[in-house]
Amino acid sequence: MSKLPLVSDEVAAIIPPVPGKPIEEVTREYGVSEPIKLASNENPIGPSPAVAVAVNEALSSLNHYPDGGQYNLKRALSQKTGVRPENIVLGNGSNELISLLIQAFVLPNTHVLTSEGTFIAYQLGAQANSRAIVTTPLDEMGGYDLDAMAEKVTPLTRMVFIANPNNPTGSLLSGKQIQRFIEKIDQKFEDEGPILVLDEAYFEYVDPALSPNSLAILAARPRTVILRTFSKAYGLAGLRCGYGLMSDGLSHHINQVRTPFNVNTLAQVAAIAALSDQTSLRRTCKFNRHNREWLRNELLRRGCLIRPSHANFLLVDFGQDAQPIYQQLLERGVITRPMGVYGMPNSLRISVGLPSELNRLLSDLDQILGLNDSDDSVIPFKRANRRA
């Protein structure tokens, strides 16, 4: 009798992702007393003060299980988005929702479609669920090549993932581009086309004048899912709470495979409090926009190649292998994210941090790249107006 393999070929092929190094680990490994982390696209000024109040009040209830139906948070999100509570599904970060979507809807012998240079969780989710994934290269501007993706759509394409803005490039697709893509893929099907997942993890950072109306797309096309998160602009990365907006039929099946207590009590109350303070959110986005453009200009002045970003990070191409630069920054206590796993060995993804952190980054880069050893190489950073 032949012996069955311990795991599927897809699972065996997974290379576990390496997240941005924790600050504590850098302190242990390199003896740096005050490391700074610019690797994980976190909100450097933290969540709304209302979050701390709400979390503190909820501490006395931690002996009870979380609300498995997530009643209050779904209604708060419904009020914010206009989507009915029953069409909202919560996850332990949007990463869990990516996996649940693949688990529920991508059947055996069908596949997931996305781009090569995009959020790696789509590939990992497909592999973990033993499903095939088909990819196309980014276009020359570092964005999704929707025409190439449309060509790859077949009757076996069950799900299409599009990150908008894209991680790690920061590029943004317009509503017209997305609508044209939908028309091209749906005309290939007599019935309904594949499930289109619009991953909007960085939605809040996008200029509203440029942001596509994804809610209108969802209303017109039931096989659409919008993913958003509280980890980025709302500053709740440590609590892990994301949400999906979708039609009745899709949300029902996600809830069939979702574990009942997947979002903890503190995450739920923190998310409700964060939603209630839109002033803090506007302040965060204004702060990020100012810092991002200042940092981009400074790096361009140093000869780096950087495309415009609509998120809270920059993809920085040094024109040479970036791994040694990453390592030397790490040894100095500046944590960034190397992009070799995305097929971009010359690039680092650098999160937009506080002014003091960005000045330190530039000072260390100047030393590493041998640009200028004087203190004048870093222009003093003017702090953005913190008022909304």
Protein backbone atom coordinates (compact mmCIF):
# COMPACT_ATOMS: atom_id res chain seq x y z
CA MET A 1 0.00 0.00 0.00
CA SER A 2 1.42 3.37 -1.02
CA LYS A 3 1.99 5.88 1.73
CA LEU A 4 0.04 9.13 1.59
CA PRO A 5 2.07 12.36 1.81
CA LEU A 6 1.88 14.25 5.06
CA VAL A 7 0.73 17.47 3.34
CA SER A 8 -0.29 18.55 -0.15
CA ASP A 9 2.32 19.60 -2.70
CA GLU A 10 1.02 23.18 -2.45
CA VAL A 11 1.49 23.32 1.30
CA ALA A 12 4.91 21.68 1.06
CA ALA A 13 5.99 24.40 -1.38
CA ILE A 14 5.07 27.30 0.92
CA ILE A 15 7.96 29.45 2.04
CA PRO A 16 6.75 31.08 5.26
CA PRO A 17 6.68 34.87 4.91
CA VAL A 18 9.19 36.86 6.93
CA PRO A 19 7.44 39.88 8.48
CA GLY A 20 9.22 43.07 9.40
CA LYS A 21 11.54 42.32 12.31
CA PRO A 22 10.08 43.25 15.70
CA ILE A 23 11.83 46.06 17.52
CA GLU A 24 12.62 43.73 20.44
CA GLU A 25 14.39 41.26 18.14
CA VAL A 26 16.61 43.95 16.65
CA THR A 27 17.55 45.10 20.14
CA ARG A 28 18.51 41.54 21.09
CA GLU A 29 20.44 40.77 17.91
CA TYR A 30 22.29 44.04 17.36
CA GLY A 31 22.33 45.69 20.77
CA VAL A 32 20.62 48.83 19.44
CA SER A 33 18.94 50.65 22.29
CA GLU A 34 16.29 52.56 20.31
CA PRO A 35 15.43 50.84 17.02
CA ILE A 36 12.80 52.33 14.73
CA LYS A 37 10.46 50.27 12.61
CA LEU A 38 9.63 51.41 9.08
CA ALA A 39 8.83 47.95 7.75
CA SER A 40 5.19 47.07 8.31
CA ASN A 41 3.17 50.10 7.17
CA GLU A 42 1.96 50.83 10.67
CA ASN A 43 0.43 54.11 11.81
CA PRO A 44 3.31 55.87 13.63
CA ILE A 45 1.09 58.19 15.69
CA GLY A 46 -1.15 55.40 16.94
CA PRO A 47 -4.91 55.01 17.29
CA SER A 48 -7.49 57.52 18.46
CA PRO A 49 -7.40 58.34 22.20
CA ALA A 50 -10.95 57.01 22.29
CA VAL A 51 -9.57 53.52 21.67
CA ALA A 52 -7.63 53.44 24.96
CA VAL A 53 -10.74 54.46 26.87
CA ALA A 54 -12.88 51.80 25.21
CA VAL A 55 -10.30 49.05 25.67
CA ASN A 56 -9.79 49.93 29.33
CA GLU A 57 -13.53 49.75 29.95
CA ALA A 58 -13.70 46.33 28.28
CA LEU A 59 -10.97 44.73 30.40
CA SER A 60 -13.40 43.64 33.10
CA SER A 61 -15.30 41.47 30.58
CA LEU A 62 -12.37 39.39 29.36
CA ASN A 63 -13.59 36.34 31.26
CA HIS A 64 -16.40 36.10 28.68
CA TYR A 65 -16.11 35.02 25.05
CA PRO A 66 -16.32 37.73 22.41
CA ASP A 67 -19.60 38.50 20.67
CA GLY A 68 -19.46 35.85 17.95
CA GLY A 69 -22.04 37.69 15.86
CA GLN A 70 -20.10 40.98 16.22
CA TYR A 71 -23.40 42.84 16.45
CA ASN A 72 -22.25 46.29 17.54
CA LEU A 73 -19.25 46.54 15.24
CA LYS A 74 -21.20 45.40 12.20
CA ARG A 75 -23.80 48.07 12.85
CA ALA A 76 -21.15 50.74 13.29
CA LEU A 77 -19.60 49.69 9.98
CA SER A 78 -23.00 49.62 8.34
CA GLN A 79 -23.64 53.19 9.42
CA LYS A 80 -20.24 54.23 8.04
CA THR A 81 -20.41 52.37 4.70
CA GLY A 82 -24.11 52.06 3.95
CA VAL A 83 -23.73 48.29 3.58
CA ARG A 84 -26.24 46.19 5.52
CA PRO A 85 -24.86 44.45 8.65
CA GLU A 86 -25.65 41.00 7.23
CA ASN A 87 -23.39 41.81 4.26
CA ILE A 88 -20.40 42.57 6.49
CA VAL A 89 -18.00 39.83 7.58
CA LEU A 90 -15.26 40.46 10.15
CA GLY A 91 -11.89 38.77 10.26
CA ASN A 92 -8.75 38.50 12.34
CA GLY A 93 -7.24 41.10 10.06
CA SER A 94 -8.10 41.07 6.36
CA ASN A 95 -5.52 38.27 5.99
CA GLU A 96 -7.96 35.83 7.56
CA LEU A 97 -10.70 36.96 5.18
CA ILE A 98 -8.43 36.33 2.19
CA SER A 99 -7.94 32.75 3.33
CA LEU A 100 -11.64 32.27 4.11
CA LEU A 101 -12.64 33.55 0.67
CA ILE A 102 -10.35 31.05 -1.03
CA GLN A 103 -11.43 28.25 1.27
CA ALA A 104 -15.13 28.87 0.64
CA PHE A 105 -15.24 29.65 -3.07
CA VAL A 106 -12.16 28.41 -4.95
CA LEU A 107 -13.12 24.84 -5.82
CA PRO A 108 -10.70 21.98 -6.63
CA ASN A 109 -9.16 22.26 -10.10
CA THR A 110 -10.00 25.97 -10.35
CA HIS A 111 -7.65 28.84 -9.66
CA VAL A 112 -7.00 32.29 -8.19
CA LEU A 113 -5.82 35.12 -10.45
CA THR A 114 -3.75 38.12 -9.37
CA SER A 115 -0.52 39.97 -10.19
CA GLU A 116 3.06 38.90 -9.51
CA GLY A 117 4.04 42.09 -7.71
CA THR A 118 1.25 42.35 -5.19
CA PHE A 119 0.34 41.38 -1.62
CA ILE A 120 1.83 37.97 -1.01
CA ALA A 121 -1.09 36.81 1.15
CA TYR A 122 -3.06 35.97 -2.01
CA GLN A 123 -0.44 33.46 -3.08
CA LEU A 124 -0.04 32.07 0.43
CA GLY A 125 -3.80 31.73 0.86
CA ALA A 126 -4.08 29.76 -2.37
CA GLN A 127 -1.19 27.48 -1.45
CA ALA A 128 -2.46 26.89 2.09
CA ASN A 129 -5.82 25.80 0.65
CA SER A 130 -4.14 23.64 -2.04
CA ARG A 131 -5.43 25.83 -4.86
CA ALA A 132 -3.63 26.96 -7.99
CA ILE A 133 -2.72 30.60 -8.52
CA VAL A 134 -2.20 32.33 -11.88
CA THR A 135 -0.31 35.62 -12.07
CA THR A 136 0.64 38.30 -14.58
CA PRO A 137 3.52 40.81 -14.34
CA LEU A 138 3.02 44.38 -13.21
CA ASP A 139 2.97 47.02 -15.91
CA GLU A 140 5.96 49.28 -16.55
CA MET A 141 4.66 51.82 -14.02
CA GLY A 142 4.48 49.25 -11.21
CA GLY A 143 0.71 48.85 -11.33
CA TYR A 144 -1.67 46.06 -12.23
CA ASP A 145 -1.73 45.20 -15.93
CA LEU A 146 -5.48 44.68 -16.13
CA ASP A 147 -5.44 43.89 -19.84
CA ALA A 148 -2.95 41.07 -19.26
CA MET A 149 -5.01 39.81 -16.33
CA ALA A 150 -8.21 39.83 -18.38
CA GLU A 151 -6.51 37.68 -21.00
CA LYS A 152 -5.75 35.09 -18.29
CA VAL A 153 -9.37 34.79 -17.16
CA THR A 154 -10.87 31.41 -18.11
CA PRO A 155 -13.92 29.41 -16.97
CA LEU A 156 -11.66 27.99 -14.26
CA THR A 157 -10.91 31.42 -12.79
CA ARG A 158 -12.90 31.48 -9.55
CA MET A 159 -11.43 34.53 -7.82
CA VAL A 160 -9.46 37.63 -8.80
CA PHE A 161 -7.53 39.64 -6.21
CA ILE A 162 -6.68 43.30 -6.82
CA ALA A 163 -5.00 45.39 -4.11
CA ASN A 164 -5.89 49.05 -4.58
CA PRO A 165 -3.65 50.82 -3.66
CA ASN A 166 -1.23 48.04 -4.43
CA ASN A 167 1.17 46.71 -1.83
CA PRO A 168 4.17 47.04 -2.23
CA THR A 169 4.19 49.60 -5.07
CA GLY A 170 1.59 52.07 -3.80
CA SER A 171 0.01 52.38 -7.26
CA LEU A 172 -3.71 53.16 -7.63
CA LEU A 173 -6.27 52.02 -10.19
CA SER A 174 -9.08 54.37 -11.15
CA GLY A 175 -12.73 53.44 -11.07
CA LYS A 176 -12.82 53.57 -14.88
CA GLN A 177 -9.92 51.11 -15.14
CA ILE A 178 -11.61 48.67 -12.76
CA GLN A 179 -14.96 48.98 -14.53
CA ARG A 180 -13.34 48.34 -17.92
CA PHE A 181 -11.65 45.24 -16.48
CA ILE A 182 -14.96 43.97 -15.11
CA GLU A 183 -16.64 44.40 -18.49
CA LYS A 184 -13.83 42.49 -20.22
CA ILE A 185 -13.89 39.51 -17.86
CA ASP A 186 -17.66 39.25 -17.42
CA GLN A 187 -18.29 39.08 -21.15
CA LYS A 188 -16.43 35.75 -21.15
CA PHE A 189 -19.17 34.13 -19.05
CA GLU A 190 -22.75 33.30 -19.95
CA ASP A 191 -23.69 33.46 -16.27
CA GLU A 192 -21.76 35.32 -13.56
CA GLY A 193 -18.02 35.86 -13.76
CA PRO A 194 -15.40 35.18 -11.06
CA ILE A 195 -15.50 36.75 -7.62
CA LEU A 196 -13.59 40.03 -7.75
CA VAL A 197 -11.88 40.93 -4.47
CA LEU A 198 -10.90 44.60 -4.17
CA ASP A 199 -8.43 44.73 -1.31
CA GLU A 200 -8.54 48.29 0.03
CA ALA A 201 -6.31 47.97 3.08
CA TYR A 202 -4.94 51.49 2.45
CA PHE A 203 -8.28 52.98 1.37
CA GLU A 204 -8.30 55.76 3.97
CA TYR A 205 -4.95 57.15 2.77
CA VAL A 206 -6.16 57.73 -0.80
CA ASP A 207 -7.14 61.22 -1.90
CA PRO A 208 -10.98 61.05 -2.03
CA ALA A 209 -10.89 62.79 -5.42
CA LEU A 210 -8.91 59.85 -6.82
CA SER A 211 -10.48 56.97 -4.93
CA PRO A 212 -12.67 54.64 -7.04
CA ASN A 213 -16.24 54.18 -5.89
CA SER A 214 -15.92 50.52 -4.96
CA LEU A 215 -19.21 50.55 -3.08
CA ALA A 216 -20.98 51.39 -6.35
CA ILE A 217 -19.15 48.51 -8.02
CA LEU A 218 -20.32 46.18 -5.24
CA ALA A 219 -23.91 47.38 -5.60
CA ALA A 220 -23.88 46.75 -9.35
CA ARG A 221 -21.95 43.46 -9.33
CA PRO A 222 -22.90 40.97 -6.57
CA ARG A 223 -19.81 38.81 -7.15
CA THR A 224 -17.60 41.53 -5.70
CA VAL A 225 -15.93 41.73 -2.28
CA ILE A 226 -14.34 44.81 -0.72
CA LEU A 227 -11.73 44.18 1.97
CA ARG A 228 -10.69 46.87 4.44
CA THR A 229 -8.84 46.87 7.75
CA PHE A 230 -8.34 48.70 11.02
CA SER A 231 -4.62 47.81 11.03
CA LYS A 232 -3.38 50.70 8.90
CA ALA A 233 -4.84 54.20 9.10
CA TYR A 234 -6.85 53.43 12.25
CA GLY A 235 -3.68 52.24 14.03
CA LEU A 236 -4.99 48.93 15.40
CA ALA A 237 -2.44 46.54 13.89
CA GLY A 238 -1.82 44.87 17.25
CA LEU A 239 -5.47 43.90 17.71
CA ARG A 240 -6.11 42.37 14.24
CA CYS A 241 -9.47 43.39 12.87
CA GLY A 242 -10.46 43.54 9.21
CA TYR A 243 -13.78 43.47 7.42
CA GLY A 244 -15.28 42.44 4.12
CA LEU A 245 -18.24 44.03 2.36
CA MET A 246 -20.11 41.63 0.09
CA SER A 247 -23.49 40.37 -1.13
CA ASP A 248 -25.86 38.15 0.89
CA GLY A 249 -24.89 34.96 -0.91
CA LEU A 250 -21.17 35.47 -0.36
CA SER A 251 -21.36 36.56 3.28
CA HIS A 252 -23.50 33.52 4.16
CA HIS A 253 -20.85 31.09 2.90
CA ILE A 254 -17.98 32.94 4.55
CA ASN A 255 -19.80 32.70 7.87
CA GLN A 256 -20.14 28.96 7.29
CA VAL A 257 -16.35 28.52 7.32
CA ARG A 258 -15.49 31.32 9.77
CA THR A 259 -14.76 30.32 13.36
CA PRO A 260 -17.32 31.88 15.75
CA PHE A 261 -14.92 33.92 17.92
CA ASN A 262 -12.39 35.01 15.30
CA VAL A 263 -12.33 38.68 16.36
CA ASN A 264 -11.62 39.22 20.04
CA THR A 265 -13.48 41.52 22.41
CA LEU A 266 -10.81 44.21 22.61
CA ALA A 267 -10.49 44.36 18.84
CA GLN A 268 -14.24 44.83 18.46
CA VAL A 269 -14.59 47.63 21.01
CA ALA A 270 -11.41 49.32 19.75
CA ALA A 271 -12.67 49.28 16.17
CA ILE A 272 -16.00 50.84 17.20
CA ALA A 273 -14.16 53.58 19.10
CA ALA A 274 -11.82 54.21 16.16
CA LEU A 275 -14.77 54.57 13.78
CA SER A 276 -16.35 57.11 16.11
CA ASP A 277 -13.34 59.44 15.90
CA GLN A 278 -13.05 60.50 12.29
CA THR A 279 -11.13 63.62 13.35
CA SER A 280 -8.20 61.43 14.41
CA LEU A 281 -8.40 59.56 11.13
CA ARG A 282 -8.26 62.78 9.11
CA ARG A 283 -5.31 63.95 11.18
CA THR A 284 -3.47 60.69 10.52
CA CYS A 285 -4.06 60.88 6.77
CA LYS A 286 -2.94 64.52 6.55
CA PHE A 287 0.15 63.73 8.60
CA ASN A 288 0.96 60.75 6.38
CA ARG A 289 0.49 62.69 3.14
CA HIS A 290 2.88 65.42 4.25
CA ASN A 291 5.54 63.04 5.53
CA ARG A 292 5.29 60.73 2.51
CA GLU A 293 5.83 63.48 -0.05
CA TRP A 294 8.67 65.01 1.94
CA LEU A 295 10.41 61.64 2.21
CA ARG A 296 9.85 60.89 -1.47
CA ASN A 297 11.43 64.20 -2.49
CA GLU A 298 14.41 63.61 -0.23
CA LEU A 299 15.01 60.12 -1.62
CA LEU A 300 14.62 61.36 -5.19
CA ARG A 301 17.23 64.00 -4.41
CA ARG A 302 19.55 61.18 -3.40
CA GLY A 303 19.14 59.44 -6.76
CA CYS A 304 16.59 56.76 -5.83
CA LEU A 305 13.81 55.73 -8.19
CA ILE A 306 10.41 56.12 -6.53
CA ARG A 307 7.02 56.07 -8.15
CA PRO A 308 4.15 58.02 -6.61
CA SER A 309 2.44 56.22 -3.73
CA HIS A 310 -1.17 56.46 -2.59
CA ALA A 311 -0.57 54.58 0.67
CA ASN A 312 1.61 55.05 3.77
CA PHE A 313 4.80 53.62 2.32
CA LEU A 314 7.24 54.10 -0.54
CA LEU A 315 8.83 51.48 -2.76
CA VAL A 316 12.43 52.68 -3.06
CA ASP A 317 14.62 51.38 -5.91
CA PHE A 318 18.32 51.94 -5.18
CA GLY A 319 19.55 50.80 -8.59
CA GLN A 320 21.62 48.08 -6.91
CA ASP A 321 21.08 45.03 -4.73
CA ALA A 322 19.16 46.43 -1.76
CA GLN A 323 19.83 43.51 0.60
CA PRO A 324 23.17 44.92 1.86
CA ILE A 325 21.51 48.31 2.37
CA TYR A 326 18.70 46.64 4.31
CA GLN A 327 21.22 44.77 6.46
CA GLN A 328 23.33 47.84 7.24
CA LEU A 329 20.23 49.83 8.17
CA LEU A 330 19.15 46.94 10.40
CA GLU A 331 22.49 46.95 12.19
CA ARG A 332 21.95 50.65 12.87
CA GLY A 333 18.49 49.91 14.25
CA VAL A 334 16.41 51.06 11.27
CA ILE A 335 14.01 48.31 10.21
CA THR A 336 12.78 48.38 6.59
CA ARG A 337 11.38 45.67 4.32
CA PRO A 338 13.44 44.04 1.53
CA MET A 339 11.48 43.25 -1.63
CA GLY A 340 13.38 40.27 -3.03
CA VAL A 341 10.41 37.99 -2.35
CA TYR A 342 8.38 40.19 -4.72
CA GLY A 343 10.99 39.91 -7.46
CA MET A 344 12.33 43.40 -6.73
CA PRO A 345 15.84 42.78 -5.35
CA ASN A 346 16.94 46.40 -5.81
CA SER A 347 14.12 47.79 -3.68
CA LEU A 348 13.13 48.35 -0.08
CA ARG A 349 9.63 49.18 1.05
CA ILE A 350 9.83 51.97 3.60
CA SER A 351 6.88 52.92 5.78
CA VAL A 352 6.17 56.58 6.41
CA GLY A 353 7.15 57.30 9.99
CA LEU A 354 7.58 60.21 12.36
CA PRO A 355 9.82 63.14 11.33
CA SER A 356 12.55 62.07 13.77
CA GLU A 357 12.47 58.54 12.33
CA LEU A 358 12.66 59.74 8.74
CA ASN A 359 15.58 62.05 9.46
CA ARG A 360 17.40 59.17 11.13
CA LEU A 361 16.69 56.93 8.12
CA LEU A 362 18.12 59.52 5.73
CA SER A 363 21.16 60.17 7.88
CA ASP A 364 21.97 56.44 7.99
CA LEU A 365 21.34 56.04 4.26
CA ASP A 366 23.72 58.89 3.51
CA GLN A 367 26.44 57.13 5.48
CA ILE A 368 25.73 53.73 3.91
CA LEU A 369 25.61 55.09 0.36
CA GLY A 370 28.55 57.42 0.90
CA LEU A 371 26.59 60.44 -0.27
CA ASN A 372 27.66 63.01 2.31
CA ASP A 373 29.12 62.47 5.74
CA SER A 374 28.30 65.96 6.99
CA ASP A 375 25.35 66.81 9.18
CA ASP A 376 24.06 69.08 6.39
CA SER A 377 23.10 66.06 4.28
CA VAL A 378 19.76 65.84 6.06
CA ILE A 379 17.43 68.81 5.75
CA PRO A 380 15.60 69.54 9.02
CA PHE A 381 12.08 68.18 8.79
CA LYS A 382 9.21 70.59 9.34
CA ARG A 383 6.53 68.81 11.33
CA ALA A 384 3.13 68.69 9.63
CA ASN A 385 0.25 70.57 11.20
CA ARG A 386 -1.35 68.00 13.51
CA ARG A 387 -4.74 69.72 13.44
CA ALA A 388 -7.35 68.23 11.12
